[in-house]
N, C-alpha and C. Protein backbone atom coordinates (compact mmCIF):
# COMPACT_ATOMS: atom_id res chain seq x y z
N MET A 1 137.43 84.55 136.93
CA MET A 1 136.92 83.27 136.15
C MET A 1 135.39 83.79 136.72
N LYS A 2 134.36 83.75 135.62
CA LYS A 2 132.61 83.90 136.19
C LYS A 2 132.29 83.29 137.19
N ARG A 3 131.78 83.07 137.87
CA ARG A 3 131.09 81.45 138.52
C ARG A 3 129.57 80.80 138.04
N LYS A 4 129.69 79.61 137.84
CA LYS A 4 128.71 79.27 137.03
C LYS A 4 128.27 78.45 138.28
N ARG A 5 126.38 78.32 137.82
CA ARG A 5 125.82 77.93 138.74
C ARG A 5 125.07 76.47 138.66
N ILE A 6 125.36 75.48 139.58
CA ILE A 6 124.27 73.62 138.91
C ILE A 6 123.14 73.90 139.33
N LEU A 7 121.32 73.89 138.84
CA LEU A 7 120.17 73.80 139.86
C LEU A 7 120.33 72.69 139.68
N PHE A 8 119.18 71.84 141.14
CA PHE A 8 118.53 71.24 141.05
C PHE A 8 116.92 71.39 141.11
N VAL A 9 116.54 70.27 140.57
CA VAL A 9 115.45 71.19 140.51
C VAL A 9 114.49 69.51 141.58
N CYS A 10 113.60 69.78 142.48
CA CYS A 10 112.53 68.84 142.65
C CYS A 10 110.74 69.47 142.73
N THR A 11 109.91 68.79 143.20
CA THR A 11 108.25 69.60 143.30
C THR A 11 108.27 69.90 145.22
N GLY A 12 108.80 70.09 145.70
CA GLY A 12 108.77 71.03 146.88
C GLY A 12 109.79 71.33 147.71
N ASN A 13 111.24 70.86 147.26
CA ASN A 13 112.36 71.46 147.39
C ASN A 13 112.15 71.42 148.91
N THR A 14 111.97 70.36 149.58
CA THR A 14 112.32 70.05 151.50
C THR A 14 112.77 68.52 151.75
N CYS A 15 112.79 67.90 150.32
CA CYS A 15 113.61 66.01 150.56
C CYS A 15 114.25 66.01 148.78
N ARG A 16 114.35 65.86 148.09
CA ARG A 16 115.93 65.58 147.21
C ARG A 16 116.39 67.13 146.67
N SER A 17 115.96 67.97 146.34
CA SER A 17 116.79 68.91 145.87
C SER A 17 118.07 69.61 146.85
N PRO A 18 117.21 69.92 147.91
CA PRO A 18 117.93 70.08 149.39
C PRO A 18 119.50 69.56 149.14
N MET A 19 118.86 67.62 149.84
CA MET A 19 119.93 66.94 149.59
C MET A 19 120.72 66.66 148.43
N ALA A 20 120.67 67.10 147.44
CA ALA A 20 121.47 66.79 146.34
C ALA A 20 122.41 67.97 146.45
N GLU A 21 121.53 69.51 146.46
CA GLU A 21 122.75 70.84 146.26
C GLU A 21 123.25 70.75 147.69
N ALA A 22 122.84 70.11 148.91
CA ALA A 22 124.05 69.56 149.83
C ALA A 22 125.27 69.32 149.42
N LEU A 23 124.50 67.78 149.20
CA LEU A 23 125.79 66.99 148.84
C LEU A 23 126.80 67.38 147.36
N LEU A 24 126.18 68.03 146.64
CA LEU A 24 127.49 68.41 146.36
C LEU A 24 128.41 69.80 146.43
N ARG A 25 127.79 70.55 147.37
CA ARG A 25 128.44 71.54 147.98
C ARG A 25 129.80 70.29 148.39
N ALA A 26 129.56 69.85 149.11
CA ALA A 26 130.43 69.22 150.10
C ALA A 26 131.31 68.32 149.20
N GLU A 27 130.98 68.02 148.01
CA GLU A 27 131.45 67.09 147.09
C GLU A 27 132.67 68.24 146.53
N ILE A 28 132.02 69.32 146.21
CA ILE A 28 132.70 70.26 145.39
C ILE A 28 134.19 70.97 146.49
N LYS A 29 133.64 70.98 147.99
CA LYS A 29 134.37 71.72 149.19
C LYS A 29 135.69 70.48 148.95
N LYS A 30 134.81 69.77 149.11
CA LYS A 30 136.16 68.23 149.91
C LYS A 30 137.92 67.93 147.79
N ARG A 31 136.97 68.69 147.49
CA ARG A 31 137.60 68.76 145.99
C ARG A 31 138.70 69.79 146.13
N LYS A 32 137.78 70.32 146.89
CA LYS A 32 138.39 72.52 146.77
C LYS A 32 138.36 73.02 144.85
N ILE A 33 137.16 72.59 144.98
CA ILE A 33 136.70 73.50 142.98
C ILE A 33 136.20 74.62 143.43
N LYS A 34 136.43 75.85 142.66
CA LYS A 34 136.46 76.88 142.27
C LYS A 34 135.69 77.35 141.32
N TRP A 35 134.50 78.46 141.45
CA TRP A 35 134.09 79.09 141.12
C TRP A 35 132.84 78.32 139.98
N TRP A 36 132.55 77.37 141.38
CA TRP A 36 131.08 77.01 141.39
C TRP A 36 129.46 77.07 142.75
N ASP A 37 128.89 77.35 142.29
CA ASP A 37 127.46 77.43 142.58
C ASP A 37 126.53 76.35 142.40
N VAL A 38 125.85 76.39 143.33
CA VAL A 38 125.35 75.32 143.94
C VAL A 38 123.69 75.61 144.16
N THR A 39 122.54 75.77 143.83
CA THR A 39 121.47 75.21 144.66
C THR A 39 120.24 74.93 143.87
N SER A 40 118.72 75.51 144.90
CA SER A 40 118.42 74.06 144.36
C SER A 40 116.94 74.59 144.99
N ARG A 41 115.94 74.32 144.18
CA ARG A 41 114.26 74.96 143.70
C ARG A 41 113.23 74.10 143.83
N GLY A 42 112.59 74.15 143.94
CA GLY A 42 110.93 73.45 144.40
C GLY A 42 110.01 73.77 142.58
N ILE A 43 109.63 73.14 141.91
CA ILE A 43 108.62 72.93 141.86
C ILE A 43 107.34 74.22 141.64
N GLN A 44 107.27 73.31 142.87
CA GLN A 44 105.99 74.03 143.50
C GLN A 44 106.53 73.74 145.05
N ALA A 45 107.49 74.62 145.31
CA ALA A 45 107.73 75.20 147.01
C ALA A 45 106.55 75.99 147.23
N GLU A 46 106.65 75.43 149.30
CA GLU A 46 105.81 75.98 149.55
C GLU A 46 106.37 77.44 150.34
N VAL A 47 106.56 78.39 150.28
CA VAL A 47 107.01 79.25 151.08
C VAL A 47 106.64 79.20 152.60
N GLY A 48 107.95 79.38 153.18
CA GLY A 48 107.93 78.86 154.91
C GLY A 48 108.08 77.37 154.79
N GLY A 49 108.26 76.77 154.27
CA GLY A 49 107.89 75.49 154.88
C GLY A 49 109.65 75.21 155.33
N THR A 50 109.68 73.40 155.91
CA THR A 50 110.83 73.72 156.04
C THR A 50 111.71 72.31 155.31
N LEU A 51 112.93 71.85 155.97
CA LEU A 51 113.78 70.85 155.20
C LEU A 51 112.63 69.91 156.14
N SER A 52 112.88 68.35 155.36
CA SER A 52 112.02 67.26 155.96
C SER A 52 113.18 66.85 156.95
N GLN A 53 112.39 66.34 158.15
CA GLN A 53 113.70 65.93 159.19
C GLN A 53 114.22 64.91 158.47
N ASN A 54 113.91 63.56 157.83
CA ASN A 54 114.33 62.76 157.06
C ASN A 54 115.42 62.98 156.49
N SER A 55 115.21 64.38 155.52
CA SER A 55 116.38 64.57 154.74
C SER A 55 117.46 65.54 155.48
N ARG A 56 117.26 65.63 156.75
CA ARG A 56 118.35 65.94 157.64
C ARG A 56 118.48 65.22 158.18
N LEU A 57 118.02 63.85 158.40
CA LEU A 57 119.06 63.26 159.61
C LEU A 57 119.83 62.49 158.40
N ALA A 58 119.13 62.49 157.19
CA ALA A 58 119.64 60.98 156.20
C ALA A 58 120.52 62.23 155.74
N LEU A 59 121.04 63.53 155.55
CA LEU A 59 122.63 64.22 155.24
C LEU A 59 123.41 64.12 157.22
N GLU A 60 122.83 64.39 158.06
CA GLU A 60 123.76 64.27 159.16
C GLU A 60 124.49 63.41 159.40
N GLU A 61 124.08 61.90 158.97
CA GLU A 61 124.51 60.98 158.95
C GLU A 61 126.06 60.65 158.62
N LYS A 62 126.32 61.67 157.08
CA LYS A 62 127.19 61.78 156.62
C LYS A 62 127.88 62.90 156.59
N GLY A 63 127.24 63.45 157.53
CA GLY A 63 128.36 64.96 158.48
C GLY A 63 127.87 65.61 157.68
N ILE A 64 126.87 66.44 156.81
CA ILE A 64 126.69 67.63 155.80
C ILE A 64 125.59 68.31 157.23
N ILE A 65 125.75 69.10 157.74
CA ILE A 65 124.95 69.69 158.06
C ILE A 65 123.62 70.66 158.18
N LEU A 66 122.73 70.99 157.68
CA LEU A 66 121.80 71.83 156.79
C LEU A 66 120.80 72.22 157.75
N SER A 67 120.87 73.17 158.12
CA SER A 67 120.28 74.49 159.19
C SER A 67 119.43 74.84 159.01
N ASP A 68 119.62 76.06 158.13
CA ASP A 68 118.46 77.12 158.26
C ASP A 68 118.17 77.13 156.52
N PHE A 69 117.84 75.71 156.32
CA PHE A 69 117.53 75.68 154.69
C PHE A 69 115.80 75.83 154.84
N LYS A 70 115.45 76.64 153.77
CA LYS A 70 114.06 77.19 153.52
C LYS A 70 113.41 76.73 152.20
N PRO A 71 112.52 75.99 151.54
CA PRO A 71 112.44 75.73 150.33
C PRO A 71 112.38 77.10 150.10
N ARG A 72 112.60 76.85 148.31
CA ARG A 72 112.27 78.26 147.35
C ARG A 72 111.55 77.31 146.11
N GLN A 73 111.16 78.76 145.58
CA GLN A 73 110.54 77.83 144.57
C GLN A 73 111.31 78.67 143.22
N LEU A 74 111.03 77.45 142.00
CA LEU A 74 111.95 77.85 141.03
C LEU A 74 111.45 79.51 140.51
N THR A 75 112.78 79.55 139.79
CA THR A 75 112.62 80.93 138.81
C THR A 75 112.67 80.86 137.93
N ARG A 76 112.67 81.89 136.83
CA ARG A 76 112.92 81.67 135.04
C ARG A 76 114.40 82.20 134.61
N ASN A 77 114.39 82.92 135.85
CA ASN A 77 116.18 84.22 135.88
C ASN A 77 117.15 82.90 136.33
N LEU A 78 116.60 81.87 137.60
CA LEU A 78 117.82 80.61 137.70
C LEU A 78 117.51 79.91 136.53
N ILE A 79 116.75 79.95 136.51
CA ILE A 79 116.80 78.87 134.49
C ILE A 79 117.42 79.38 133.77
N GLU A 80 117.61 80.42 133.81
CA GLU A 80 118.67 80.59 132.50
C GLU A 80 119.65 81.35 132.84
N SER A 81 120.64 81.35 133.96
CA SER A 81 121.47 81.28 134.81
C SER A 81 122.04 80.72 135.03
N SER A 82 121.07 78.75 134.59
CA SER A 82 122.39 77.86 135.30
C SER A 82 122.41 76.92 134.35
N VAL A 83 123.85 76.59 134.14
CA VAL A 83 124.77 76.19 133.05
C VAL A 83 124.69 74.35 133.29
N LEU A 84 123.61 74.02 134.20
CA LEU A 84 123.54 72.58 134.15
C LEU A 84 122.57 72.47 135.22
N ILE A 85 121.24 72.33 134.60
CA ILE A 85 119.84 71.81 135.68
C ILE A 85 119.94 70.42 135.53
N VAL A 86 119.27 69.82 137.03
CA VAL A 86 119.41 68.35 137.11
C VAL A 86 117.56 68.34 138.30
N THR A 87 117.09 67.72 137.13
CA THR A 87 115.84 67.28 138.03
C THR A 87 115.94 65.74 138.60
N MET A 88 114.79 65.63 139.76
CA MET A 88 115.27 64.72 140.07
C MET A 88 113.95 63.42 139.04
N THR A 89 113.45 64.04 138.41
CA THR A 89 112.59 63.01 137.53
C THR A 89 112.48 63.32 136.46
N GLU A 90 112.08 62.10 135.22
CA GLU A 90 112.10 62.08 133.86
C GLU A 90 110.98 63.16 133.40
N SER A 91 110.03 63.39 134.21
CA SER A 91 108.44 63.87 134.19
C SER A 91 108.99 65.13 134.86
N GLN A 92 109.85 65.49 135.48
CA GLN A 92 109.77 66.72 135.76
C GLN A 92 111.12 67.91 134.84
N LYS A 93 111.82 66.47 134.25
CA LYS A 93 112.71 66.88 132.81
C LYS A 93 111.90 67.58 131.93
N ARG A 94 110.76 67.20 131.57
CA ARG A 94 109.84 67.57 130.28
C ARG A 94 109.78 68.53 130.64
N LEU A 95 108.66 69.19 131.74
CA LEU A 95 108.13 70.87 132.02
C LEU A 95 109.45 72.06 131.40
N PHE A 96 111.00 71.18 131.28
CA PHE A 96 111.84 72.69 130.49
C PHE A 96 112.05 71.91 128.97
N GLY A 97 111.36 71.02 129.21
CA GLY A 97 111.05 71.26 127.79
C GLY A 97 112.67 71.11 126.22
N GLU A 98 113.09 71.39 125.02
CA GLU A 98 113.92 71.14 124.83
C GLU A 98 115.02 71.79 125.54
N ASN A 99 115.25 72.11 126.66
CA ASN A 99 116.47 72.85 127.03
C ASN A 99 117.62 72.42 126.82
N GLY A 100 118.74 72.51 126.01
CA GLY A 100 119.84 71.46 126.92
C GLY A 100 120.60 71.25 127.99
N ASN A 101 121.03 71.95 128.84
CA ASN A 101 121.36 72.00 129.37
C ASN A 101 120.30 70.98 131.14
N VAL A 102 119.21 70.37 130.86
CA VAL A 102 118.59 70.04 131.73
C VAL A 102 118.97 68.71 131.62
N ARG A 103 119.02 67.71 133.25
CA ARG A 103 118.99 66.51 132.91
C ARG A 103 118.67 66.46 134.45
N SER A 104 118.41 64.85 134.06
CA SER A 104 117.53 64.57 134.70
C SER A 104 118.99 63.04 136.18
N VAL A 105 118.78 62.95 137.24
CA VAL A 105 119.11 62.20 137.78
C VAL A 105 119.71 60.73 137.07
N LYS A 106 118.36 60.37 136.53
CA LYS A 106 118.23 59.01 135.73
C LYS A 106 119.73 59.53 134.52
N ASP A 107 119.89 60.31 133.87
CA ASP A 107 120.65 60.63 132.51
C ASP A 107 121.88 60.91 132.84
N ILE A 108 122.12 61.37 134.10
CA ILE A 108 123.30 61.20 134.66
C ILE A 108 124.20 60.14 135.09
N CYS A 109 122.80 58.96 136.64
CA CYS A 109 123.50 57.26 136.94
C CYS A 109 122.80 56.58 136.67
N GLY A 110 121.48 56.83 135.95
CA GLY A 110 121.07 55.46 135.51
C GLY A 110 119.77 55.54 136.59
N TYR A 111 119.52 56.28 137.71
CA TYR A 111 118.47 55.57 139.02
C TYR A 111 117.55 57.11 139.03
N GLU A 112 116.49 56.92 138.95
CA GLU A 112 115.33 57.50 139.11
C GLU A 112 115.16 58.05 140.45
N VAL A 113 114.72 59.38 140.64
CA VAL A 113 115.01 59.47 142.31
C VAL A 113 113.30 60.00 142.95
N PRO A 114 112.67 58.91 142.99
CA PRO A 114 110.81 59.22 143.82
C PRO A 114 111.30 59.66 144.95
N ASP A 115 109.45 60.43 145.09
CA ASP A 115 109.85 61.57 146.08
C ASP A 115 109.54 60.57 147.41
N PRO A 116 110.61 60.81 148.10
CA PRO A 116 110.30 59.36 149.51
C PRO A 116 109.49 60.17 150.75
N TYR A 117 109.30 61.80 150.59
CA TYR A 117 108.32 62.38 151.26
C TYR A 117 107.16 61.18 151.85
N GLY A 118 107.27 61.12 153.12
CA GLY A 118 105.84 61.14 154.25
C GLY A 118 106.76 58.93 153.89
N CYS A 119 108.01 59.09 153.85
CA CYS A 119 108.14 57.28 153.53
C CYS A 119 109.67 57.54 155.05
N GLY A 120 110.06 56.17 155.20
CA GLY A 120 110.68 56.47 157.07
C GLY A 120 111.78 56.73 156.27
N LEU A 121 112.72 56.78 157.32
CA LEU A 121 114.15 57.79 157.42
C LEU A 121 115.16 56.49 156.37
N GLU A 122 115.06 54.83 156.44
CA GLU A 122 115.66 54.09 155.59
C GLU A 122 115.43 54.53 153.84
N VAL A 123 114.29 55.06 153.90
CA VAL A 123 113.90 55.31 152.07
C VAL A 123 114.66 56.65 152.28
N TYR A 124 115.08 57.67 152.86
CA TYR A 124 115.39 58.81 152.72
C TYR A 124 117.06 58.64 152.84
N LYS A 125 117.38 57.75 152.91
CA LYS A 125 118.55 57.36 152.97
C LYS A 125 119.26 56.63 151.46
N MET A 126 118.51 55.95 151.06
CA MET A 126 118.44 55.31 149.91
C MET A 126 118.52 56.48 148.19
N THR A 127 117.58 56.98 148.71
CA THR A 127 117.51 58.46 148.12
C THR A 127 119.04 59.59 148.13
N ARG A 128 119.47 59.10 149.41
CA ARG A 128 120.78 59.91 149.80
C ARG A 128 121.91 59.45 149.14
N ASP A 129 121.54 58.08 148.91
CA ASP A 129 123.08 57.88 148.12
C ASP A 129 122.69 57.47 146.86
N ILE A 130 121.68 57.53 146.12
CA ILE A 130 121.25 57.65 144.86
C ILE A 130 121.51 59.55 144.04
N LEU A 131 121.74 60.31 145.27
CA LEU A 131 121.87 61.22 145.04
C LEU A 131 123.68 61.62 145.06
N LYS A 132 123.79 61.58 146.07
CA LYS A 132 125.28 61.44 145.72
C LYS A 132 126.26 60.53 145.17
N LEU A 133 126.25 59.18 144.48
CA LEU A 133 126.57 58.92 143.66
C LEU A 133 126.20 59.74 142.18
N ALA A 134 125.14 60.54 141.88
CA ALA A 134 124.67 61.52 140.61
C ALA A 134 125.95 62.98 140.75
N CYS A 135 126.05 63.50 142.23
CA CYS A 135 126.64 63.96 142.44
C CYS A 135 128.57 63.98 142.17
N GLU A 136 128.48 62.91 142.73
CA GLU A 136 130.03 62.43 142.17
C GLU A 136 130.17 62.60 140.78
N THR A 137 129.26 62.11 140.30
CA THR A 137 129.53 61.66 138.61
C THR A 137 128.97 63.15 138.00
N ILE A 138 128.74 64.70 138.47
CA ILE A 138 127.86 65.74 138.52
C ILE A 138 129.96 66.39 138.01
N VAL A 139 130.74 66.10 138.82
CA VAL A 139 132.28 66.72 139.61
C VAL A 139 132.21 66.08 138.17
N ASN A 140 132.95 65.01 138.10
CA ASN A 140 133.55 64.28 137.27
C ASN A 140 133.35 64.63 135.44
N GLU A 141 131.99 64.37 135.39
CA GLU A 141 131.43 64.46 134.38
C GLU A 141 130.95 65.67 133.33
N TYR A 142 131.04 67.00 134.47
CA TYR A 142 130.74 67.83 134.35
C TYR A 142 131.57 69.03 134.34
N ILE A 143 131.20 69.07 136.16
CA ILE A 143 132.45 69.83 136.17
C ILE A 143 133.89 70.10 135.56
N LEU A 144 134.53 68.98 136.30
CA LEU A 144 135.62 69.23 135.54
C LEU A 144 136.09 68.90 134.29
N LYS A 145 135.22 69.05 133.27
CA LYS A 145 135.22 68.62 131.60
C LYS A 145 134.94 70.26 131.80
N TYR A 146 133.95 70.94 132.09
CA TYR A 146 134.25 71.73 132.26
C TYR A 146 135.20 73.07 131.91
N GLU A 147 135.62 72.42 133.79
CA GLU A 147 136.99 73.30 133.24
C GLU A 147 138.34 73.18 132.67
N GLU A 148 138.52 71.87 132.01
CA GLU A 148 139.27 72.03 130.82
C GLU A 148 139.31 72.69 129.61
C-alpha cells in the first residue's frame, strides 16, 4: 500500500505545527495505524532555528519527546504530495486558494489556533490541547475513513 502524508502548516514551524506533527504521530503510533506519514512546515520558517522551548515543555508533559526538531520551509512538492494539509488559522488556509485538500484546525475541531510565540507555558499547553483534539479528530474523521 502506498504511504499517504498529512502536512501541518503554520508561520514559523517552531510552535504550533511541530506540536501538531508530534501529537498526530503519537496518536497514529498508539492506534497502530500504518501507511501514514506526518510532517510540518512553516510558511516563513527560519532555517537554522529551533523548536520553541515552551512547545517542547508542553509536549514533554504529555510524554512526547521532540529533541532534534528543526524548522523547515514549506515546498510546492510537499503541498502536491500531501493527502491532507492542515493550517493553524483561516488566513493561512486562504493562502492555498481553492485547494480541496486544505483544512484549518477550526474546520476540523472548531477552534482557531493563534500563534503562542512569546507567550507563557500555559498558553502553549492550551495550544497543545486544541491540537490534540484536532489530531484525534483527524484520525477518526480522515485517516480511518480513508482506510475504509
